[in-house]
Amino acid sequence: IIETILTGARVAAQRGDWRAVLSGLDRAVQEGDSLSIADRLLRIRAMEASYRPREALEELGRLAELPDLGEHVGAVALYRGELLFGVDDAEAERLLRRALG
């Protein structure tokens, strides 16, 4: 059932239905899934698209603390840098340089 829920959330993202994305991913967590890094990034994208940038940034901060982001390390730094512009420009610039360098 969890895979069906996650697939529904991913398909909703392709349509730009960010509320359905958030609802689906939240339901997957309620059903016991811990969400992959990619799905957590999708959730963050949905938060931002739903005009919830503060929550997106908080979730990105928690994600950035994980010891092994693997192939997602650059995406996390890039996304955090983007969301931090206008909040903490120096940190945003540092993260963007790290992501792009």
PDB file of N, CA and C in Angstrom:
ATOM      1  N   ILE A   1       0.827  -1.212   0.000  1.00  0.00           N
ATOM      2  CA  ILE A   1       0.000   0.000   0.000  1.00  0.00           C
ATOM      3  C   ILE A   1       0.864   1.266   0.000  1.00  0.00           C
ATOM      4  N   ILE A   2       1.988   1.220   0.708  1.00  0.00           N
ATOM      5  CA  ILE A   2       2.848   2.409   0.772  1.00  0.00           C
ATOM      6  C   ILE A   2       3.377   2.768  -0.604  1.00  0.00           C
ATOM      7  N   GLU A   3       3.789   1.773  -1.380  1.00  0.00           N
ATOM      8  CA  GLU A   3       4.317   2.060  -2.720  1.00  0.00           C
ATOM      9  C   GLU A   3       3.250   2.683  -3.610  1.00  0.00           C
ATOM     10  N   THR A   4       2.020   2.258  -3.451  1.00  0.00           N
ATOM     11  CA  THR A   4       0.910   2.844  -4.213  1.00  0.00           C
ATOM     12  C   THR A   4       0.707   4.305  -3.823  1.00  0.00           C
ATOM     13  N   ILE A   5       0.781   4.579  -2.540  1.00  0.00           N
ATOM     14  CA  ILE A   5       0.638   5.956  -2.061  1.00  0.00           C
ATOM     15  C   ILE A   5       1.767   6.827  -2.608  1.00  0.00           C
ATOM     16  N   LEU A   6       2.991   6.321  -2.544  1.00  0.00           N
ATOM     17  CA  LEU A   6       4.151   7.081  -3.034  1.00  0.00           C
ATOM     18  C   LEU A   6       4.053   7.321  -4.538  1.00  0.00           C
ATOM     19  N   THR A   7       3.624   6.319  -5.267  1.00  0.00           N
ATOM     20  CA  THR A   7       3.454   6.483  -6.719  1.00  0.00           C
ATOM     21  C   THR A   7       2.418   7.557  -7.005  1.00  0.00           C
ATOM     22  N   GLY A   8       1.335   7.555  -6.259  1.00  0.00           N
ATOM     23  CA  GLY A   8       0.311   8.587  -6.427  1.00  0.00           C
ATOM     24  C   GLY A   8       0.853   9.984  -6.160  1.00  0.00           C
ATOM     25  N   ALA A   9       1.688  10.108  -5.140  1.00  0.00           N
ATOM     26  CA  ALA A   9       2.276  11.412  -4.820  1.00  0.00           C
ATOM     27  C   ALA A   9       3.218  11.861  -5.932  1.00  0.00           C
ATOM     28  N   ARG A  10       3.995  10.933  -6.469  1.00  0.00           N
ATOM     29  CA  ARG A  10       4.937  11.270  -7.545  1.00  0.00           C
ATOM     30  C   ARG A  10       4.202  11.670  -8.826  1.00  0.00           C
ATOM     31  N   VAL A  11       3.118  10.989  -9.116  1.00  0.00           N
ATOM     32  CA  VAL A  11       2.309  11.342 -10.288  1.00  0.00           C
ATOM     33  C   VAL A  11       1.665  12.711 -10.083  1.00  0.00           C
ATOM     34  N   ALA A  12       1.215  12.980  -8.873  1.00  0.00           N
ATOM     35  CA  ALA A  12       0.631  14.299  -8.567  1.00  0.00           C
ATOM     36  C   ALA A  12       1.661  15.400  -8.780  1.00  0.00           C
ATOM     37  N   ALA A  13       2.923  15.126  -8.465  1.00  0.00           N
ATOM     38  CA  ALA A  13       3.980  16.117  -8.678  1.00  0.00           C
ATOM     39  C   ALA A  13       4.142  16.417 -10.169  1.00  0.00           C
ATOM     40  N   GLN A  14       4.020  15.413 -10.996  1.00  0.00           N
ATOM     41  CA  GLN A  14       4.123  15.624 -12.439  1.00  0.00           C
ATOM     42  C   GLN A  14       3.012  16.523 -12.959  1.00  0.00           C
ATOM     43  N   ARG A  15       1.877  16.499 -12.287  1.00  0.00           N
ATOM     44  CA  ARG A  15       0.739  17.352 -12.648  1.00  0.00           C
ATOM     45  C   ARG A  15       0.807  18.719 -11.980  1.00  0.00           C
ATOM     46  N   GLY A  16       1.721  18.869 -11.015  1.00  0.00           N
ATOM     47  CA  GLY A  16       1.792  20.121 -10.271  1.00  0.00           C
ATOM     48  C   GLY A  16       0.731  20.226  -9.185  1.00  0.00           C
ATOM     49  N   ASP A  17       0.196  19.112  -8.771  1.00  0.00           N
ATOM     50  CA  ASP A  17      -0.832  19.083  -7.717  1.00  0.00           C
ATOM     51  C   ASP A  17      -0.122  18.936  -6.371  1.00  0.00           C
ATOM     52  N   TRP A  18       0.388  20.053  -5.873  1.00  0.00           N
ATOM     53  CA  TRP A  18       1.256  20.033  -4.696  1.00  0.00           C
ATOM     54  C   TRP A  18       0.525  19.629  -3.426  1.00  0.00           C
ATOM     55  N   ARG A  19      -0.748  19.948  -3.326  1.00  0.00           N
ATOM     56  CA  ARG A  19      -1.516  19.510  -2.152  1.00  0.00           C
ATOM     57  C   ARG A  19      -1.612  17.988  -2.117  1.00  0.00           C
ATOM     58  N   ALA A  20      -1.849  17.392  -3.279  1.00  0.00           N
ATOM     59  CA  ALA A  20      -1.924  15.933  -3.340  1.00  0.00           C
ATOM     60  C   ALA A  20      -0.569  15.299  -3.029  1.00  0.00           C
ATOM     61  N   VAL A  21       0.502  15.953  -3.454  1.00  0.00           N
ATOM     62  CA  VAL A  21       1.844  15.456  -3.141  1.00  0.00           C
ATOM     63  C   VAL A  21       2.034  15.425  -1.634  1.00  0.00           C
ATOM     64  N   LEU A  22       1.760  16.548  -0.989  1.00  0.00           N
ATOM     65  CA  LEU A  22       1.929  16.621   0.467  1.00  0.00           C
ATOM     66  C   LEU A  22       1.027  15.628   1.182  1.00  0.00           C
ATOM     67  N   SER A  23      -0.208  15.536   0.741  1.00  0.00           N
ATOM     68  CA  SER A  23      -1.150  14.608   1.359  1.00  0.00           C
ATOM     69  C   SER A  23      -0.668  13.171   1.213  1.00  0.00           C
ATOM     70  N   GLY A  24      -0.220  12.816   0.025  1.00  0.00           N
ATOM     71  CA  GLY A  24       0.250  11.465  -0.212  1.00  0.00           C
ATOM     72  C   GLY A  24       1.493  11.120   0.578  1.00  0.00           C
ATOM     73  N   LEU A  25       2.463  12.016   0.594  1.00  0.00           N
ATOM     74  CA  LEU A  25       3.696  11.749   1.329  1.00  0.00           C
ATOM     75  C   LEU A  25       3.441  11.703   2.833  1.00  0.00           C
ATOM     76  N   ASP A  26       2.577  12.577   3.316  1.00  0.00           N
ATOM     77  CA  ASP A  26       2.230  12.538   4.738  1.00  0.00           C
ATOM     78  C   ASP A  26       1.521  11.226   5.083  1.00  0.00           C
ATOM     79  N   ARG A  27       0.673  10.768   4.184  1.00  0.00           N
ATOM     80  CA  ARG A  27      -0.021   9.497   4.417  1.00  0.00           C
ATOM     81  C   ARG A  27       0.965   8.330   4.425  1.00  0.00           C
ATOM     82  N   ALA A  28       1.940   8.372   3.535  1.00  0.00           N
ATOM     83  CA  ALA A  28       2.948   7.310   3.510  1.00  0.00           C
ATOM     84  C   ALA A  28       3.705   7.250   4.837  1.00  0.00           C
ATOM     85  N   VAL A  29       4.014   8.420   5.389  1.00  0.00           N
ATOM     86  CA  VAL A  29       4.692   8.461   6.690  1.00  0.00           C
ATOM     87  C   VAL A  29       3.777   7.895   7.772  1.00  0.00           C
ATOM     88  N   GLN A  30       2.509   8.265   7.737  1.00  0.00           N
ATOM     89  CA  GLN A  30       1.550   7.738   8.715  1.00  0.00           C
ATOM     90  C   GLN A  30       1.424   6.221   8.620  1.00  0.00           C
ATOM     91  N   GLU A  31       1.613   5.684   7.423  1.00  0.00           N
ATOM     92  CA  GLU A  31       1.532   4.233   7.214  1.00  0.00           C
ATOM     93  C   GLU A  31       2.830   3.523   7.604  1.00  0.00           C
ATOM     94  N   GLY A  32       3.855   4.316   7.989  1.00  0.00           N
ATOM     95  CA  GLY A  32       5.089   3.708   8.472  1.00  0.00           C
ATOM     96  C   GLY A  32       6.297   3.877   7.583  1.00  0.00           C
ATOM     97  N   ASP A  33       6.175   4.566   6.467  1.00  0.00           N
ATOM     98  CA  ASP A  33       7.323   4.776   5.585  1.00  0.00           C
ATOM     99  C   ASP A  33       8.184   5.907   6.129  1.00  0.00           C
ATOM    100  N   SER A  34       9.497   5.792   5.961  1.00  0.00           N
ATOM    101  CA  SER A  34      10.403   6.836   6.448  1.00  0.00           C
ATOM    102  C   SER A  34      10.793   7.817   5.347  1.00  0.00           C
ATOM    103  N   LEU A  35      10.300   7.662   4.156  1.00  0.00           N
ATOM    104  CA  LEU A  35      10.560   8.483   2.971  1.00  0.00           C
ATOM    105  C   LEU A  35      12.043   8.476   2.595  1.00  0.00           C
ATOM    106  N   SER A  36      12.290   8.212   1.352  1.00  0.00           N
ATOM    107  CA  SER A  36      13.649   8.281   0.814  1.00  0.00           C
ATOM    108  C   SER A  36      14.070   9.746   0.747  1.00  0.00           C
ATOM    109  N   ILE A  37      15.342   9.970   0.545  1.00  0.00           N
ATOM    110  CA  ILE A  37      15.825  11.346   0.405  1.00  0.00           C
ATOM    111  C   ILE A  37      15.141  12.008  -0.786  1.00  0.00           C
ATOM    112  N   ALA A  38      14.995  11.287  -1.890  1.00  0.00           N
ATOM    113  CA  ALA A  38      14.330  11.848  -3.072  1.00  0.00           C
ATOM    114  C   ALA A  38      12.889  12.243  -2.756  1.00  0.00           C
ATOM    115  N   ASP A  39      12.183  11.406  -1.995  1.00  0.00           N
ATOM    116  CA  ASP A  39      10.799  11.738  -1.636  1.00  0.00           C
ATOM    117  C   ASP A  39      10.745  12.895  -0.641  1.00  0.00           C
ATOM    118  N   ARG A  40      11.733  12.995   0.220  1.00  0.00           N
ATOM    119  CA  ARG A  40      11.778  14.143   1.138  1.00  0.00           C
ATOM    120  C   ARG A  40      12.031  15.429   0.362  1.00  0.00           C
ATOM    121  N   LEU A  41      12.889  15.361  -0.663  1.00  0.00           N
ATOM    122  CA  LEU A  41      13.117  16.534  -1.517  1.00  0.00           C
ATOM    123  C   LEU A  41      11.846  16.899  -2.280  1.00  0.00           C
ATOM    124  N   LEU A  42      11.102  15.893  -2.720  1.00  0.00           N
ATOM    125  CA  LEU A  42       9.827  16.149  -3.385  1.00  0.00           C
ATOM    126  C   LEU A  42       8.855  16.833  -2.430  1.00  0.00           C
ATOM    127  N   ARG A  43       8.833  16.390  -1.190  1.00  0.00           N
ATOM    128  CA  ARG A  43       7.964  17.003  -0.178  1.00  0.00           C
ATOM    129  C   ARG A  43       8.348  18.473   0.037  1.00  0.00           C
ATOM    130  N   ILE A  44       9.649  18.734   0.072  1.00  0.00           N
ATOM    131  CA  ILE A  44      10.142  20.104   0.245  1.00  0.00           C
ATOM    132  C   ILE A  44       9.730  20.964  -0.944  1.00  0.00           C
ATOM    133  N   ARG A  45       9.851  20.411  -2.149  1.00  0.00           N
ATOM    134  CA  ARG A  45       9.432  21.150  -3.342  1.00  0.00           C
ATOM    135  C   ARG A  45       7.945  21.477  -3.264  1.00  0.00           C
ATOM    136  N   ALA A  46       7.153  20.519  -2.807  1.00  0.00           N
ATOM    137  CA  ALA A  46       5.715  20.747  -2.676  1.00  0.00           C
ATOM    138  C   ALA A  46       5.410  21.813  -1.631  1.00  0.00           C
ATOM    139  N   MET A  47       6.169  21.816  -0.545  1.00  0.00           N
ATOM    140  CA  MET A  47       5.980  22.861   0.476  1.00  0.00           C
ATOM    141  C   MET A  47       6.258  24.238  -0.109  1.00  0.00           C
ATOM    142  N   GLU A  48       7.367  24.341  -0.818  1.00  0.00           N
ATOM    143  CA  GLU A  48       7.721  25.634  -1.415  1.00  0.00           C
ATOM    144  C   GLU A  48       6.657  26.070  -2.423  1.00  0.00           C
ATOM    145  N   ALA A  49       6.209  25.144  -3.255  1.00  0.00           N
ATOM    146  CA  ALA A  49       5.197  25.467  -4.261  1.00  0.00           C
ATOM    147  C   ALA A  49       3.852  25.807  -3.624  1.00  0.00           C
ATOM    148  N   SER A  50       3.650  25.370  -2.394  1.00  0.00           N
ATOM    149  CA  SER A  50       2.417  25.659  -1.655  1.00  0.00           C
ATOM    150  C   SER A  50       2.569  26.886  -0.757  1.00  0.00           C
ATOM    151  N   TYR A  51       3.583  27.689  -1.048  1.00  0.00           N
ATOM    152  CA  TYR A  51       3.835  28.930  -0.306  1.00  0.00           C
ATOM    153  C   TYR A  51       4.119  28.677   1.169  1.00  0.00           C
ATOM    154  N   ARG A  52       4.921  27.637   1.418  1.00  0.00           N
ATOM    155  CA  ARG A  52       5.334  27.301   2.785  1.00  0.00           C
ATOM    156  C   ARG A  52       6.861  27.248   2.841  1.00  0.00           C
ATOM    157  N   PRO A  53       7.528  28.349   2.452  1.00  0.00           N
ATOM    158  CA  PRO A  53       8.991  28.319   2.359  1.00  0.00           C
ATOM    159  C   PRO A  53       9.694  28.107   3.699  1.00  0.00           C
ATOM    160  N   ARG A  54       9.128  28.609   4.776  1.00  0.00           N
ATOM    161  CA  ARG A  54       9.765  28.427   6.083  1.00  0.00           C
ATOM    162  C   ARG A  54       9.803  26.949   6.456  1.00  0.00           C
ATOM    163  N   GLU A  55       8.684  26.265   6.252  1.00  0.00           N
ATOM    164  CA  GLU A  55       8.646  24.830   6.534  1.00  0.00           C
ATOM    165  C   GLU A  55       9.600  24.064   5.618  1.00  0.00           C
ATOM    166  N   ALA A  56       9.663  24.476   4.362  1.00  0.00           N
ATOM    167  CA  ALA A  56      10.571  23.826   3.414  1.00  0.00           C
ATOM    168  C   ALA A  56      12.018  23.991   3.867  1.00  0.00           C
ATOM    169  N   LEU A  57      12.364  25.172   4.302  1.00  0.00           N
ATOM    170  CA  LEU A  57      13.725  25.435   4.754  1.00  0.00           C
ATOM    171  C   LEU A  57      14.051  24.641   6.020  1.00  0.00           C
ATOM    172  N   GLU A  58      13.093  24.545   6.935  1.00  0.00           N
ATOM    173  CA  GLU A  58      13.305  23.755   8.156  1.00  0.00           C
ATOM    174  C   GLU A  58      13.534  22.283   7.814  1.00  0.00           C
ATOM    175  N   GLU A  59      12.726  21.762   6.898  1.00  0.00           N
ATOM    176  CA  GLU A  59      12.879  20.368   6.491  1.00  0.00           C
ATOM    177  C   GLU A  59      14.214  20.146   5.779  1.00  0.00           C
ATOM    178  N   LEU A  60      14.617  21.117   4.970  1.00  0.00           N
ATOM    179  CA  LEU A  60      15.926  21.024   4.307  1.00  0.00           C
ATOM    180  C   LEU A  60      17.054  21.012   5.330  1.00  0.00           C
ATOM    181  N   GLY A  61      16.915  21.806   6.378  1.00  0.00           N
ATOM    182  CA  GLY A  61      17.924  21.814   7.438  1.00  0.00           C
ATOM    183  C   GLY A  61      18.045  20.462   8.102  1.00  0.00           C
ATOM    184  N   ARG A  62      16.906  19.819   8.365  1.00  0.00           N
ATOM    185  CA  ARG A  62      16.934  18.475   8.956  1.00  0.00           C
ATOM    186  C   ARG A  62      17.553  17.470   7.984  1.00  0.00           C
ATOM    187  N   LEU A  63      17.218  17.610   6.728  1.00  0.00           N
ATOM    188  CA  LEU A  63      17.756  16.708   5.714  1.00  0.00           C
ATOM    189  C   LEU A  63      19.271  16.884   5.585  1.00  0.00           C
ATOM    190  N   ALA A  64      19.732  18.116   5.633  1.00  0.00           N
ATOM    191  CA  ALA A  64      21.167  18.403   5.488  1.00  0.00           C
ATOM    192  C   ALA A  64      21.991  17.805   6.624  1.00  0.00           C
ATOM    193  N   GLU A  65      21.362  17.535   7.754  1.00  0.00           N
ATOM    194  CA  GLU A  65      22.076  16.969   8.903  1.00  0.00           C
ATOM    195  C   GLU A  65      22.304  15.467   8.791  1.00  0.00           C
ATOM    196  N   LEU A  66      21.671  14.834   7.817  1.00  0.00           N
ATOM    197  CA  LEU A  66      21.869  13.398   7.647  1.00  0.00           C
ATOM    198  C   LEU A  66      23.328  13.116   7.281  1.00  0.00           C
ATOM    199  N   PRO A  67      23.892  12.044   7.807  1.00  0.00           N
ATOM    200  CA  PRO A  67      25.314  11.771   7.575  1.00  0.00           C
ATOM    201  C   PRO A  67      25.655  11.391   6.140  1.00  0.00           C
ATOM    202  N   ASP A  68      24.721  10.797   5.399  1.00  0.00           N
ATOM    203  CA  ASP A  68      25.038  10.358   4.051  1.00  0.00           C
ATOM    204  C   ASP A  68      23.898  10.690   3.098  1.00  0.00           C
ATOM    205  N   LEU A  69      24.037  11.817   2.420  1.00  0.00           N
ATOM    206  CA  LEU A  69      23.024  12.211   1.446  1.00  0.00           C
ATOM    207  C   LEU A  69      23.303  11.596   0.071  1.00  0.00           C
ATOM    208  N   GLY A  70      24.474  10.998  -0.061  1.00  0.00           N
ATOM    209  CA  GLY A  70      24.823  10.346  -1.319  1.00  0.00           C
ATOM    210  C   GLY A  70      24.727  11.288  -2.496  1.00  0.00           C
ATOM    211  N   GLU A  71      24.066  10.843  -3.534  1.00  0.00           N
ATOM    212  CA  GLU A  71      23.960  11.617  -4.772  1.00  0.00           C
ATOM    213  C   GLU A  71      23.133  12.890  -4.599  1.00  0.00           C
ATOM    214  N   HIS A  72      22.468  13.048  -3.467  1.00  0.00           N
ATOM    215  CA  HIS A  72      21.584  14.199  -3.247  1.00  0.00           C
ATOM    216  C   HIS A  72      22.266  15.365  -2.531  1.00  0.00           C
ATOM    217  N   VAL A  73      23.531  15.220  -2.177  1.00  0.00           N
ATOM    218  CA  VAL A  73      24.215  16.262  -1.404  1.00  0.00           C
ATOM    219  C   VAL A  73      24.207  17.606  -2.144  1.00  0.00           C
ATOM    220  N   GLY A  74      24.460  17.593  -3.424  1.00  0.00           N
ATOM    221  CA  GLY A  74      24.461  18.833  -4.198  1.00  0.00           C
ATOM    222  C   GLY A  74      23.079  19.446  -4.304  1.00  0.00           C
ATOM    223  N   ALA A  75      22.068  18.606  -4.513  1.00  0.00           N
ATOM    224  CA  ALA A  75      20.694  19.111  -4.619  1.00  0.00           C
ATOM    225  C   ALA A  75      20.238  19.748  -3.320  1.00  0.00           C
ATOM    226  N   VAL A  76      20.604  19.141  -2.199  1.00  0.00           N
ATOM    227  CA  VAL A  76      20.217  19.690  -0.896  1.00  0.00           C
ATOM    228  C   VAL A  76      20.878  21.042  -0.678  1.00  0.00           C
ATOM    229  N   ALA A  77      22.175  21.135  -0.965  1.00  0.00           N
ATOM    230  CA  ALA A  77      22.893  22.412  -0.799  1.00  0.00           C
ATOM    231  C   ALA A  77      22.328  23.476  -1.737  1.00  0.00           C
ATOM    232  N   LEU A  78      22.057  23.093  -2.974  1.00  0.00           N
ATOM    233  CA  LEU A  78      21.518  24.039  -3.956  1.00  0.00           C
ATOM    234  C   LEU A  78      20.154  24.559  -3.527  1.00  0.00           C
ATOM    235  N   TYR A  79      19.293  23.658  -3.104  1.00  0.00           N
ATOM    236  CA  TYR A  79      17.950  24.036  -2.688  1.00  0.00           C
ATOM    237  C   TYR A  79      17.990  24.915  -1.439  1.00  0.00           C
ATOM    238  N   ARG A  80      18.838  24.539  -0.474  1.00  0.00           N
ATOM    239  CA  ARG A  80      18.954  25.366   0.739  1.00  0.00           C
ATOM    240  C   ARG A  80      19.462  26.753   0.380  1.00  0.00           C
ATOM    241  N   GLY A  81      20.460  26.820  -0.492  1.00  0.00           N
ATOM    242  CA  GLY A  81      20.990  28.116  -0.912  1.00  0.00           C
ATOM    243  C   GLY A  81      19.933  28.978  -1.564  1.00  0.00           C
ATOM    244  N   GLU A  82      19.130  28.368  -2.415  1.00  0.00           N
ATOM    245  CA  GLU A  82      18.067  29.102  -3.093  1.00  0.00           C
ATOM    246  C   GLU A  82      17.053  29.665  -2.096  1.00  0.00           C
ATOM    247  N   LEU A  83      16.643  28.840  -1.136  1.00  0.00           N
ATOM    248  CA  LEU A  83      15.632  29.284  -0.176  1.00  0.00           C
ATOM    249  C   LEU A  83      16.168  30.272   0.858  1.00  0.00           C
ATOM    250  N   LEU A  84      17.477  30.273   1.045  1.00  0.00           N
ATOM    251  CA  LEU A  84      18.058  31.187   2.031  1.00  0.00           C
ATOM    252  C   LEU A  84      18.291  32.595   1.491  1.00  0.00           C
ATOM    253  N   PHE A  85      18.243  32.771   0.170  1.00  0.00           N
ATOM    254  CA  PHE A  85      18.408  34.133  -0.348  1.00  0.00           C
ATOM    255  C   PHE A  85      17.320  35.023   0.213  1.00  0.00           C
ATOM    256  N   GLY A  86      17.723  36.162   0.729  1.00  0.00           N
ATOM    257  CA  GLY A  86      16.800  37.092   1.364  1.00  0.00           C
ATOM    258  C   GLY A  86      16.621  36.827   2.848  1.00  0.00           C
ATOM    259  N   VAL A  87      17.113  35.693   3.319  1.00  0.00           N
ATOM    260  CA  VAL A  87      17.047  35.342   4.733  1.00  0.00           C
ATOM    261  C   VAL A  87      18.442  35.434   5.337  1.00  0.00           C
ATOM    262  N   ASP A  88      19.390  34.762   4.686  1.00  0.00           N
ATOM    263  CA  ASP A  88      20.796  34.767   5.104  1.00  0.00           C
ATOM    264  C   ASP A  88      21.636  34.659   3.835  1.00  0.00           C
ATOM    265  N   ASP A  89      21.890  35.812   3.232  1.00  0.00           N
ATOM    266  CA  ASP A  89      22.552  35.840   1.930  1.00  0.00           C
ATOM    267  C   ASP A  89      23.961  35.245   1.953  1.00  0.00           C
ATOM    268  N   ALA A  90      24.695  35.447   3.030  1.00  0.00           N
ATOM    269  CA  ALA A  90      26.054  34.902   3.112  1.00  0.00           C
ATOM    270  C   ALA A  90      26.029  33.378   3.117  1.00  0.00           C
ATOM    271  N   GLU A  91      25.132  32.799   3.899  1.00  0.00           N
ATOM    272  CA  GLU A  91      25.003  31.340   3.937  1.00  0.00           C
ATOM    273  C   GLU A  91      24.468  30.818   2.611  1.00  0.00           C
ATOM    274  N   ALA A  92      23.536  31.549   2.015  1.00  0.00           N
ATOM    275  CA  ALA A  92      22.998  31.151   0.713  1.00  0.00           C
ATOM    276  C   ALA A  92      24.117  31.089  -0.319  1.00  0.00           C
ATOM    277  N   GLU A  93      24.962  32.106  -0.330  1.00  0.00           N
ATOM    278  CA  GLU A  93      26.067  32.131  -1.294  1.00  0.00           C
ATOM    279  C   GLU A  93      27.047  30.972  -1.040  1.00  0.00           C
ATOM    280  N   ARG A  94      27.333  30.700   0.221  1.00  0.00           N
ATOM    281  CA  ARG A  94      28.256  29.607   0.561  1.00  0.00           C
ATOM    282  C   ARG A  94      27.691  28.271   0.065  1.00  0.00           C
ATOM    283  N   LEU A  95      26.419  28.041   0.325  1.00  0.00           N
ATOM    284  CA  LEU A  95      25.803  26.795  -0.091  1.00  0.00           C
ATOM    285  C   LEU A  95      25.741  26.661  -1.622  1.00  0.00           C
ATOM    286  N   LEU A  96      25.433  27.752  -2.295  1.00  0.00           N
ATOM    287  CA  LEU A  96      25.366  27.697  -3.752  1.00  0.00           C
ATOM    288  C   LEU A  96      26.748  27.438  -4.360  1.00  0.00           C
ATOM    289  N   ARG A  97      27.763  28.075  -3.798  1.00  0.00           N
ATOM    290  CA  ARG A  97      29.129  27.816  -4.291  1.00  0.00           C
ATOM    291  C   ARG A  97      29.504  26.350  -4.069  1.00  0.00           C
ATOM    292  N   ARG A  98      29.137  25.821  -2.911  1.00  0.00           N
ATOM    293  CA  ARG A  98      29.428  24.422  -2.615  1.00  0.00           C
ATOM    294  C   ARG A  98      28.694  23.487  -3.582  1.00  0.00           C
ATOM    295  N   ALA A  99      27.439  23.811  -3.833  1.00  0.00           N
ATOM    296  CA  ALA A  99      26.644  22.961  -4.722  1.00  0.00           C
ATOM    297  C   ALA A  99      27.140  23.008  -6.162  1.00  0.00           C
ATOM    298  N   LEU A 100      27.577  24.163  -6.584  1.00  0.00           N
ATOM    299  CA  LEU A 100      27.981  24.338  -7.981  1.00  0.00           C
ATOM    300  C   LEU A 100      29.458  24.128  -8.212  1.00  0.00           C
ATOM    301  N   GLY A 101      30.233  24.065  -7.117  1.00  0.00           N
ATOM    302  CA  GLY A 101      31.691  23.946  -7.245  1.00  0.00           C
ATOM    303  C   GLY A 101      32.104  22.559  -7.204  1.00  0.00           C
TER     304      GLY A 101
END
